[in-house]
């Protein structure tokens, strides 16, 4: 892997001396923030592997686990036609992002002999039509299901388990358990008890690894390995990025610089929206993964000291070139409340030459002899210039190419940025109390008998009655 290049961050169009003093971030503001940024980097480094920073050690401490993953993945490839992930949030978004980034964009449509693994389905929602449609396209007798939930009490995932386990018992009968792999906590929760009682193949979600930081644990690595992705290279890429971010100098540590810039945008410039705009279909789902990471980590109403803050930056996903035709008008002429983050790929894994033709139409004929790779990069540069000309902050993450190593770098980069940003904002970037409130209310609606849900039902019943005139 010595010849693999590192991804890079170009923030020229974020800076006031490039974009204009009235629009960009003054470099002096970053210099003033430098001591606090250094403290943020030191705090993360000092607490590596502790508490909810267990994910920081994933590139280094999984040698034995990788052997187990490789062995199980080989068994799944040999014995099943489909691999279904049942999970939600980080248990689903990470596997989806990595699969789309690193495998054929139409993987499930390839004939079996062209795939290096089974078809992959990630069922991250409980729309009843969706589950029905999945059962229409898979043969459960030839399908392996990976149930992912740390607590074993995630309503969405465990409802799926109840449906699938009942179906397997009926369709497969004896040995149905061999169709299930459980990924859960090592000692607590419902799923670990089920796994032990039924003898399911099992993987552990490490301590200190929250769902949105879990892609480079068995949560994400198993599905990737089953589909032939080089998970060892992914972890090497994460290690490469980690090594590049050891400095406390904000101008030398790319993740620290990015965290500092977004901190200034959020706190001083009212730029509370970040648009992720990859110019590569392979990276489209990385934007979805980032949205959870950034929103759930930084959207908090109190500091760690309990002071009210209501901070956070809203992530928005887009895709170049597609969303030039649906969103760019807003980004160039709407409010000055956004940062646009481009993903640029220097070398695509395939190329599409554009033939000569339509010579009677000069605005079509000029495309002849070029390639789609040239066209998409020209469109990216055109969008970048349009934003620059309009005084809109934008930055570019440059991937030499999309492979397991650079994707590992990219994921770990964003995880470090998130941790550093949490330090600068003085919030807990690793909890999600707002999500927990929704879960309590949902269980209350369904009639869960535990006292806390009964109290929540009473609380919900006290809401003002709906008024007919407001439903039209």
Protein backbone atom coordinates (compact mmCIF):
# COMPACT_ATOMS: atom_id res chain seq x y z
CA UNK A 1 0.00 0.00 0.00
CA UNK A 2 3.07 2.29 -0.03
CA UNK A 3 2.07 3.67 -3.45
CA UNK A 4 -1.47 4.58 -2.40
CA UNK A 5 -2.00 8.34 -2.31
CA UNK A 6 -3.67 10.23 0.49
CA UNK A 7 -6.86 12.17 -0.06
CA UNK A 8 -6.50 15.93 0.37
CA UNK A 9 -8.58 18.91 1.46
CA UNK A 10 -8.60 22.16 -0.57
CA UNK A 11 -10.16 25.02 1.40
CA UNK A 12 -9.09 27.92 -0.82
CA UNK A 13 -12.67 28.94 -1.53
CA UNK A 14 -13.46 29.01 2.18
CA UNK A 15 -10.94 31.74 2.91
CA UNK A 16 -11.61 35.47 2.92
CA UNK A 17 -8.36 36.35 1.14
CA UNK A 18 -9.54 34.21 -1.81
CA UNK A 19 -13.34 34.50 -1.70
CA UNK A 20 -13.61 38.05 -0.37
CA UNK A 21 -13.51 39.44 3.15
CA UNK A 22 -17.28 39.84 3.34
CA UNK A 23 -17.91 36.21 2.40
CA UNK A 24 -15.08 33.93 3.55
CA UNK A 25 -13.38 32.91 6.77
CA UNK A 26 -10.63 35.30 7.80
CA UNK A 27 -7.38 33.31 8.25
CA UNK A 28 -6.82 35.42 11.37
CA UNK A 29 -9.94 33.81 12.87
CA UNK A 30 -8.35 30.37 12.42
CA UNK A 31 -5.09 31.65 13.91
CA UNK A 32 -7.01 33.00 16.92
CA UNK A 33 -8.73 29.63 17.30
CA UNK A 34 -5.44 27.70 16.98
CA UNK A 35 -4.82 27.19 20.73
CA UNK A 36 -8.35 25.87 21.21
CA UNK A 37 -7.99 23.63 18.17
CA UNK A 38 -4.74 22.28 19.56
CA UNK A 39 -6.48 21.55 22.86
CA UNK A 40 -9.27 19.77 20.99
CA UNK A 41 -6.77 17.58 19.16
CA UNK A 42 -4.92 16.84 22.42
CA UNK A 43 -8.15 15.94 24.23
CA UNK A 44 -9.11 13.45 21.53
CA UNK A 45 -5.57 12.02 21.46
CA UNK A 46 -5.39 11.75 25.25
CA UNK A 47 -8.68 9.87 25.44
CA UNK A 48 -8.12 7.51 22.52
CA UNK A 49 -9.83 4.19 23.11
CA UNK A 50 -11.59 5.45 26.23
CA UNK A 51 -15.29 6.01 26.76
CA UNK A 52 -17.04 6.62 23.46
CA UNK A 53 -13.72 7.08 21.65
CA UNK A 54 -13.31 3.34 21.22
CA UNK A 55 -13.63 3.83 17.44
CA UNK A 56 -10.26 5.60 17.32
CA UNK A 57 -8.49 2.27 17.88
CA UNK A 58 -10.39 0.25 15.27
CA UNK A 59 -7.63 0.58 12.64
CA UNK A 60 -5.17 -1.02 15.07
CA UNK A 61 -6.86 -3.56 17.35
CA UNK A 62 -8.85 -5.93 15.13
CA UNK A 63 -6.32 -8.42 13.74
CA UNK A 64 -8.01 -11.43 15.33
CA UNK A 65 -11.49 -10.15 14.48
CA UNK A 66 -10.54 -9.67 10.83
CA UNK A 67 -9.57 -13.34 10.60
CA UNK A 68 -12.99 -14.32 11.91
CA UNK A 69 -14.74 -11.92 9.52
CA UNK A 70 -12.79 -13.27 6.55
CA UNK A 71 -13.66 -16.86 7.46
CA UNK A 72 -17.38 -16.16 7.93
CA UNK A 73 -17.50 -14.06 4.77
CA UNK A 74 -16.04 -16.93 2.75
CA UNK A 75 -18.62 -19.30 4.22
CA UNK A 76 -21.46 -16.91 3.33
CA UNK A 77 -20.19 -16.46 -0.23
CA UNK A 78 -20.04 -20.23 -0.67
CA UNK A 79 -23.43 -21.01 0.84
CA UNK A 80 -25.86 -18.20 0.08
CA UNK A 81 -27.23 -16.25 -2.89
CA UNK A 82 -28.21 -13.17 -0.88
CA UNK A 83 -26.94 -11.38 2.22
CA UNK A 84 -29.43 -9.15 4.04
CA UNK A 85 -28.43 -6.60 6.66
CA UNK A 86 -31.21 -5.84 9.14
CA UNK A 87 -30.27 -2.64 10.94
CA UNK A 88 -30.94 1.06 11.06
CA UNK A 89 -28.88 4.24 11.40
CA UNK A 90 -25.15 3.57 11.45
CA UNK A 91 -25.78 -0.15 11.18
CA UNK A 92 -27.19 0.46 7.70
CA UNK A 93 -25.80 3.73 6.35
CA UNK A 94 -22.18 2.60 6.64
CA UNK A 95 -22.63 -0.73 4.83
CA UNK A 96 -24.67 0.99 2.11
CA UNK A 97 -22.05 3.73 1.64
CA UNK A 98 -19.12 1.33 1.40
CA UNK A 99 -20.93 -1.07 -0.92
CA UNK A 100 -21.88 1.71 -3.33
CA UNK A 101 -18.41 3.25 -3.15
CA UNK A 102 -16.37 0.12 -3.73
CA UNK A 103 -18.44 -2.36 -5.70
CA UNK A 104 -20.16 -2.29 -9.06
CA UNK A 105 -22.88 0.38 -9.08
CA UNK A 106 -25.38 -2.24 -10.27
CA UNK A 107 -24.08 -5.07 -8.12
CA UNK A 108 -27.33 -6.92 -7.53
CA UNK A 109 -28.17 -6.85 -11.24
CA UNK A 110 -24.92 -8.53 -12.27
CA UNK A 111 -25.10 -12.24 -13.10
CA UNK A 112 -23.71 -14.41 -10.30
CA UNK A 113 -20.54 -15.26 -12.23
CA UNK A 114 -19.63 -11.56 -12.43
CA UNK A 115 -20.17 -10.89 -8.74
CA UNK A 116 -17.60 -11.71 -6.10
CA UNK A 117 -20.29 -12.43 -3.56
CA UNK A 118 -24.04 -12.68 -2.96
CA UNK A 119 -26.57 -9.98 -3.68
CA UNK A 120 -26.63 -7.43 -0.87
CA UNK A 121 -29.77 -5.89 0.61
CA UNK A 122 -29.65 -3.43 3.51
CA UNK A 123 -33.11 -3.11 5.04
CA UNK A 124 -32.94 0.12 7.01
CA UNK A 125 -36.62 0.94 7.25
CA UNK A 126 -39.87 -0.72 8.32
CA UNK A 127 -42.24 0.44 5.61
CA UNK A 128 -44.41 -2.70 5.35
CA UNK A 129 -44.32 -2.57 1.56
CA UNK A 130 -40.54 -2.65 1.67
CA UNK A 131 -40.35 -5.85 3.71
CA UNK A 132 -42.94 -7.45 1.44
CA UNK A 133 -40.95 -6.47 -1.62
CA UNK A 134 -37.75 -7.94 -0.17
CA UNK A 135 -39.47 -11.27 0.40
CA UNK A 136 -40.64 -11.18 -3.22
CA UNK A 137 -37.07 -11.06 -4.58
CA UNK A 138 -35.11 -13.35 -2.24
CA UNK A 139 -35.28 -17.05 -1.53
CA UNK A 140 -35.04 -17.25 2.26
CA UNK A 141 -33.64 -20.76 1.95
CA UNK A 142 -30.62 -19.27 0.16
CA UNK A 143 -30.32 -16.07 2.19
CA UNK A 144 -28.16 -15.13 5.17
CA UNK A 145 -29.45 -12.40 7.50
CA UNK A 146 -27.17 -10.19 9.60
CA UNK A 147 -29.11 -8.73 12.57
CA UNK A 148 -27.31 -5.64 13.90
CA UNK A 149 -28.35 -3.94 17.13
CA UNK A 150 -26.18 -3.29 20.16
CA UNK A 151 -29.03 -3.26 22.65
CA UNK A 152 -31.18 -5.90 21.03
CA UNK A 153 -34.10 -3.58 21.79
CA UNK A 154 -34.09 -1.51 18.60
CA UNK A 155 -37.76 -1.77 17.65
CA UNK A 156 -37.20 -1.55 13.91
CA UNK A 157 -34.47 -4.19 13.77
CA UNK A 158 -36.00 -6.61 16.25
CA UNK A 159 -39.38 -6.44 14.51
CA UNK A 160 -37.55 -7.51 11.35
CA UNK A 161 -35.87 -10.32 13.30
CA UNK A 162 -39.26 -11.59 14.50
CA UNK A 163 -40.58 -11.68 10.94
CA UNK A 164 -37.49 -13.31 9.43
CA UNK A 165 -36.91 -15.86 12.19
CA UNK A 166 -40.53 -17.01 11.98
CA UNK A 167 -40.23 -17.31 8.21
CA UNK A 168 -36.97 -19.26 8.44
CA UNK A 169 -38.45 -21.68 10.95
CA UNK A 170 -41.30 -22.34 8.57
CA UNK A 171 -39.37 -22.47 5.28
CA UNK A 172 -36.03 -23.96 6.38
CA UNK A 173 -36.94 -25.87 9.50
CA UNK A 174 -34.08 -27.61 11.29
CA UNK A 175 -30.89 -25.60 10.98
CA UNK A 176 -32.66 -22.28 10.41
CA UNK A 177 -30.22 -20.71 12.85
CA UNK A 178 -27.40 -21.10 10.31
CA UNK A 179 -29.07 -18.38 8.25
CA UNK A 180 -28.62 -15.74 10.96
CA UNK A 181 -25.56 -13.78 12.10
CA UNK A 182 -25.98 -11.54 15.13
CA UNK A 183 -23.86 -8.42 15.63
CA UNK A 184 -24.42 -7.00 19.08
CA UNK A 185 -22.99 -6.14 22.49
CA UNK A 186 -20.67 -8.73 24.02
CA UNK A 187 -22.63 -9.19 27.23
CA UNK A 188 -25.75 -7.00 27.50
CA UNK A 189 -29.08 -6.84 25.75
CA UNK A 190 -31.65 -9.10 24.18
CA UNK A 191 -29.81 -10.10 21.02
CA UNK A 192 -26.78 -11.54 22.82
CA UNK A 193 -29.14 -13.72 24.83
CA UNK A 194 -30.92 -14.89 21.67
CA UNK A 195 -27.61 -15.53 19.93
CA UNK A 196 -26.35 -17.71 22.76
CA UNK A 197 -29.62 -19.57 23.15
CA UNK A 198 -29.99 -20.30 19.42
CA UNK A 199 -26.32 -20.74 18.59
CA UNK A 200 -26.18 -17.96 16.00
CA UNK A 201 -22.86 -16.99 14.47
CA UNK A 202 -21.97 -13.81 16.32
CA UNK A 203 -19.85 -10.66 16.12
CA UNK A 204 -19.34 -8.13 18.87
CA UNK A 205 -19.79 -4.38 18.58
CA UNK A 206 -16.80 -3.07 20.55
CA UNK A 207 -17.22 -0.92 23.63
CA UNK A 208 -16.99 2.78 22.93
CA UNK A 209 -18.13 2.42 19.32
CA UNK A 210 -21.45 4.17 18.69
CA UNK A 211 -23.55 3.27 15.68
CA UNK A 212 -22.52 6.20 13.53
CA UNK A 213 -18.84 5.46 14.22
CA UNK A 214 -19.15 1.71 13.66
CA UNK A 215 -18.51 1.15 9.95
CA UNK A 216 -14.94 0.00 10.51
CA UNK A 217 -15.99 -2.52 13.15
CA UNK A 218 -17.78 -5.84 12.42
CA UNK A 219 -20.96 -3.77 11.93
CA UNK A 220 -19.71 -2.65 8.53
CA UNK A 221 -16.74 -4.85 7.77
CA UNK A 222 -18.70 -8.11 7.58
CA UNK A 223 -21.05 -6.99 4.78
CA UNK A 224 -18.10 -5.49 2.93
CA UNK A 225 -16.06 -8.69 3.21
CA UNK A 226 -19.02 -10.82 2.13
CA UNK A 227 -19.17 -8.75 -1.07
CA UNK A 228 -15.45 -9.08 -1.74
CA UNK A 229 -14.28 -5.66 -0.54
CA UNK A 230 -10.73 -5.45 0.84
CA UNK A 231 -11.49 -4.57 4.46
CA UNK A 232 -7.82 -4.76 5.37
CA UNK A 233 -7.11 -1.93 2.91
CA UNK A 234 -9.99 0.08 4.37
CA UNK A 235 -8.43 -0.11 7.81
CA UNK A 236 -5.00 0.72 6.39
CA UNK A 237 -6.59 3.80 4.85
CA UNK A 238 -8.06 4.79 8.21
CA UNK A 239 -4.64 4.33 9.78
CA UNK A 240 -3.10 6.52 7.06
CA UNK A 241 -5.54 9.33 7.82
CA UNK A 242 -5.02 8.92 11.55
CA UNK A 243 -1.28 9.34 11.06
CA UNK A 244 -1.87 12.47 8.98
CA UNK A 245 -3.88 14.00 11.83
CA UNK A 246 -1.43 13.67 14.70
CA UNK A 247 -0.43 17.34 14.73
CA UNK A 248 -2.02 19.92 17.00
CA UNK A 249 -1.18 22.58 14.41
CA UNK A 250 -4.49 23.57 12.85
CA UNK A 251 -2.82 24.37 9.52
CA UNK A 252 -1.11 20.97 9.29
CA UNK A 253 -3.83 18.60 10.49
CA UNK A 254 -6.53 18.35 7.77
CA UNK A 255 -9.29 17.09 10.08
CA UNK A 256 -8.50 19.77 12.66
CA UNK A 257 -8.51 22.50 10.02
CA UNK A 258 -11.88 21.30 8.73
CA UNK A 259 -13.33 21.24 12.26
CA UNK A 260 -12.02 24.74 12.96
CA UNK A 261 -13.45 26.12 9.72
CA UNK A 262 -16.89 24.63 10.33
CA UNK A 263 -16.80 25.85 13.94
CA UNK A 264 -16.21 29.42 12.73
CA UNK A 265 -18.95 28.98 10.12
CA UNK A 266 -21.43 27.81 12.75
CA UNK A 267 -20.61 30.26 15.52
CA UNK A 268 -19.55 33.44 13.71
CA UNK A 269 -20.99 33.35 10.18
CA UNK A 270 -24.46 31.79 10.48
CA UNK A 271 -23.42 29.18 7.90
CA UNK A 272 -25.50 26.47 9.51
CA UNK A 273 -25.94 24.24 6.45
CA UNK A 274 -23.30 22.01 4.90
CA UNK A 275 -24.04 20.58 1.46
CA UNK A 276 -22.17 17.40 0.60
CA UNK A 277 -21.79 17.38 -3.19
CA UNK A 278 -19.88 14.37 -4.54
CA UNK A 279 -19.16 14.38 -8.26
CA UNK A 280 -19.17 10.60 -8.43
CA UNK A 281 -22.11 8.22 -8.12
CA UNK A 282 -19.88 5.87 -6.15
CA UNK A 283 -19.69 8.45 -3.33
CA UNK A 284 -23.37 9.36 -3.28
CA UNK A 285 -24.15 7.28 -0.20
CA UNK A 286 -21.11 8.60 1.65
CA UNK A 287 -23.14 11.83 1.82
CA UNK A 288 -26.01 9.93 3.50
CA UNK A 289 -23.59 8.40 5.99
CA UNK A 290 -22.08 11.82 6.72
CA UNK A 291 -25.52 13.32 7.33
CA UNK A 292 -26.13 11.04 10.30
CA UNK A 293 -22.60 11.44 11.64
CA UNK A 294 -22.69 15.24 11.53
CA UNK A 295 -26.32 15.86 12.52
CA UNK A 296 -26.61 13.35 15.35
CA UNK A 297 -23.21 14.21 16.78
CA UNK A 298 -23.33 18.01 16.73
CA UNK A 299 -27.03 18.87 17.01
CA UNK A 300 -27.15 19.46 20.78
CA UNK A 301 -29.03 21.83 23.06
CA UNK A 302 -26.59 21.97 25.98
CA UNK A 303 -22.85 22.03 26.54
CA UNK A 304 -21.13 19.40 28.63
CA UNK A 305 -21.56 21.79 31.55
CA UNK A 306 -25.33 21.93 30.97
CA UNK A 307 -25.45 25.42 29.46
CA UNK A 308 -28.03 26.03 26.73
CA UNK A 309 -26.46 26.34 23.29
CA UNK A 310 -28.65 24.78 20.54
CA UNK A 311 -25.75 24.23 18.16
CA UNK A 312 -25.29 22.17 15.04
CA UNK A 313 -24.91 22.45 11.30
CA UNK A 314 -27.57 20.89 9.07
CA UNK A 315 -26.09 18.45 6.54
CA UNK A 316 -27.67 18.28 3.10
CA UNK A 317 -26.94 15.60 0.53
CA UNK A 318 -26.68 16.32 -3.16
CA UNK A 319 -25.07 14.72 -6.21
CA UNK A 320 -23.10 16.29 -9.02
CA UNK A 321 -24.02 16.65 -11.84
CA UNK A 322 -27.65 15.71 -11.04
CA UNK A 323 -28.32 18.43 -8.49
CA UNK A 324 -26.88 21.25 -10.55
CA UNK A 325 -30.28 20.99 -12.20
CA UNK A 326 -32.29 20.94 -8.98
CA UNK A 327 -30.46 22.71 -6.15
CA UNK A 328 -27.63 24.88 -7.52
CA UNK A 329 -29.88 27.90 -8.13
CA UNK A 330 -30.51 28.08 -4.38
CA UNK A 331 -26.84 27.63 -3.52
CA UNK A 332 -25.65 30.41 -5.84
CA UNK A 333 -28.37 33.01 -5.25
CA UNK A 334 -30.14 32.04 -2.02
CA UNK A 335 -29.13 32.86 1.58
CA UNK A 336 -25.47 33.00 2.58
CA UNK A 337 -26.00 30.22 5.10
CA UNK A 338 -24.25 27.28 3.42
CA UNK A 339 -20.90 25.62 2.92
CA UNK A 340 -20.67 23.38 -0.15
CA UNK A 341 -18.25 20.44 0.09
CA UNK A 342 -17.27 18.90 -3.23
CA UNK A 343 -15.86 15.40 -3.65
CA UNK A 344 -13.53 15.30 -6.63
CA UNK A 345 -12.25 12.01 -8.08
CA UNK A 346 -9.06 12.39 -10.08
CA UNK A 347 -9.18 8.98 -11.77
CA UNK A 348 -12.39 7.02 -12.31
CA UNK A 349 -12.32 3.22 -12.48
CA UNK A 350 -14.06 3.22 -15.86
CA UNK A 351 -14.26 5.68 -18.71
CA UNK A 352 -16.87 6.41 -21.36
CA UNK A 353 -15.53 7.98 -24.57
CA UNK A 354 -17.94 10.35 -26.31
CA UNK A 355 -18.11 9.64 -30.06
CA UNK A 356 -18.09 12.34 -32.72
CA UNK A 357 -21.45 13.13 -34.28
CA UNK A 358 -24.23 15.67 -34.70
CA UNK A 359 -21.79 17.90 -36.56
CA UNK A 360 -24.68 20.12 -37.66
CA UNK A 361 -25.14 21.18 -34.02
CA UNK A 362 -21.97 22.93 -32.78
CA UNK A 363 -23.14 22.90 -29.14
CA UNK A 364 -23.31 19.09 -29.33
CA UNK A 365 -20.51 18.33 -31.77
CA UNK A 366 -17.85 19.90 -29.52
CA UNK A 367 -18.35 17.01 -27.06
CA UNK A 368 -17.03 14.48 -29.57
CA UNK A 369 -13.62 13.08 -28.72
CA UNK A 370 -13.95 13.92 -25.04
CA UNK A 371 -14.98 11.55 -22.23
CA UNK A 372 -17.58 11.50 -19.49
CA UNK A 373 -14.73 11.77 -16.99
CA UNK A 374 -13.65 15.05 -18.59
CA UNK A 375 -17.23 16.26 -18.76
CA UNK A 376 -18.10 15.58 -15.13
CA UNK A 377 -14.91 17.28 -13.92
CA UNK A 378 -15.61 20.27 -16.19
CA UNK A 379 -19.09 20.47 -14.68
CA UNK A 380 -17.62 20.30 -11.19
CA UNK A 381 -15.19 23.09 -11.96
CA UNK A 382 -18.01 25.11 -13.50
CA UNK A 383 -20.11 24.72 -10.35
CA UNK A 384 -17.13 25.57 -8.16
CA UNK A 385 -16.53 28.75 -10.16
CA UNK A 386 -20.20 29.73 -10.09
CA UNK A 387 -20.18 29.46 -6.30
CA UNK A 388 -16.89 31.35 -6.05
CA UNK A 389 -18.18 34.13 -8.31
CA UNK A 390 -21.28 34.44 -6.14
CA UNK A 391 -19.17 34.64 -2.96
CA UNK A 392 -20.37 31.30 -1.62
CA UNK A 393 -18.06 29.28 0.61
CA UNK A 394 -17.02 25.94 -0.85
CA UNK A 395 -14.26 23.39 -0.39
CA UNK A 396 -13.08 20.26 -2.15
CA UNK A 397 -12.04 16.85 -0.86
CA UNK A 398 -9.86 15.26 -3.54
CA UNK A 399 -9.67 11.48 -3.92
CA UNK A 400 -6.92 10.26 -6.27
CA UNK A 401 -9.31 7.40 -7.02
CA UNK A 402 -12.09 5.59 -5.20
CA UNK A 403 -10.72 2.42 -3.63
CA UNK A 404 -10.79 0.68 -0.27
CA UNK A 405 -7.81 2.64 1.01
CA UNK A 406 -9.11 6.10 0.08
CA UNK A 407 -12.62 5.31 1.36
CA UNK A 408 -11.09 4.19 4.67
CA UNK A 409 -9.25 7.51 4.77
CA UNK A 410 -12.41 9.47 4.01
CA UNK A 411 -14.54 7.81 6.69
CA UNK A 412 -11.89 8.24 9.37
CA UNK A 413 -11.30 11.86 8.31
CA UNK A 414 -14.95 12.73 8.90
CA UNK A 415 -15.03 10.86 12.21
CA UNK A 416 -12.02 12.85 13.45
CA UNK A 417 -13.52 16.12 12.19
CA UNK A 418 -16.67 15.33 14.15
CA UNK A 419 -14.76 14.55 17.34
CA UNK A 420 -12.70 17.75 17.05
CA UNK A 421 -15.78 19.86 16.29
CA UNK A 422 -17.49 18.45 19.37
CA UNK A 423 -14.52 19.51 21.48
CA UNK A 424 -14.55 23.03 20.04
CA UNK A 425 -18.29 23.33 20.68
CA UNK A 426 -17.88 21.81 24.17
CA UNK A 427 -20.69 19.33 23.60
CA UNK A 428 -21.06 15.58 23.92
CA UNK A 429 -20.67 14.48 20.31
CA UNK A 430 -21.41 10.86 21.15
CA UNK A 431 -24.90 10.87 22.66
CA UNK A 432 -28.30 11.39 21.01
CA UNK A 433 -30.91 12.34 23.62
CA UNK A 434 -33.19 13.84 20.97
CA UNK A 435 -33.42 10.45 19.28
CA UNK A 436 -34.18 8.76 22.58
CA UNK A 437 -37.19 11.04 23.13
CA UNK A 438 -38.66 9.85 19.83
CA UNK A 439 -38.11 6.21 20.81
CA UNK A 440 -39.88 6.71 24.15
CA UNK A 441 -42.88 8.27 22.44
CA UNK A 442 -43.04 5.51 19.81
CA UNK A 443 -43.04 2.73 22.40
CA UNK A 444 -45.67 4.62 24.38
CA UNK A 445 -47.94 4.78 21.33
CA UNK A 446 -47.56 1.02 20.82
CA UNK A 447 -48.66 0.36 24.39
CA UNK A 448 -45.42 -0.85 26.01
CA UNK A 449 -46.32 -1.53 29.64
CA UNK A 450 -43.09 -0.41 31.32
CA UNK A 451 -43.59 2.50 33.71
CA UNK A 452 -41.52 5.01 31.73
CA UNK A 453 -43.65 4.42 28.64
CA UNK A 454 -46.88 4.64 30.62
CA UNK A 455 -45.76 8.02 31.93
CA UNK A 456 -44.88 9.12 28.41
CA UNK A 457 -48.38 8.11 27.24
CA UNK A 458 -49.89 10.30 29.94
CA UNK A 459 -47.63 13.16 28.92
CA UNK A 460 -48.59 12.76 25.25
CA UNK A 461 -52.29 12.63 26.14
CA UNK A 462 -51.94 16.09 27.68
CA UNK A 463 -51.01 17.64 24.33
CA UNK A 464 -53.51 20.23 23.05
CA UNK A 465 -56.29 18.62 20.98
CA UNK A 466 -56.01 19.06 17.22
CA UNK A 467 -58.24 21.74 15.74
CA UNK A 468 -60.34 20.88 12.73
CA UNK A 469 -59.72 24.22 11.01
CA UNK A 470 -56.01 23.41 10.79
CA UNK A 471 -56.62 20.29 8.71
CA UNK A 472 -57.63 21.28 5.19
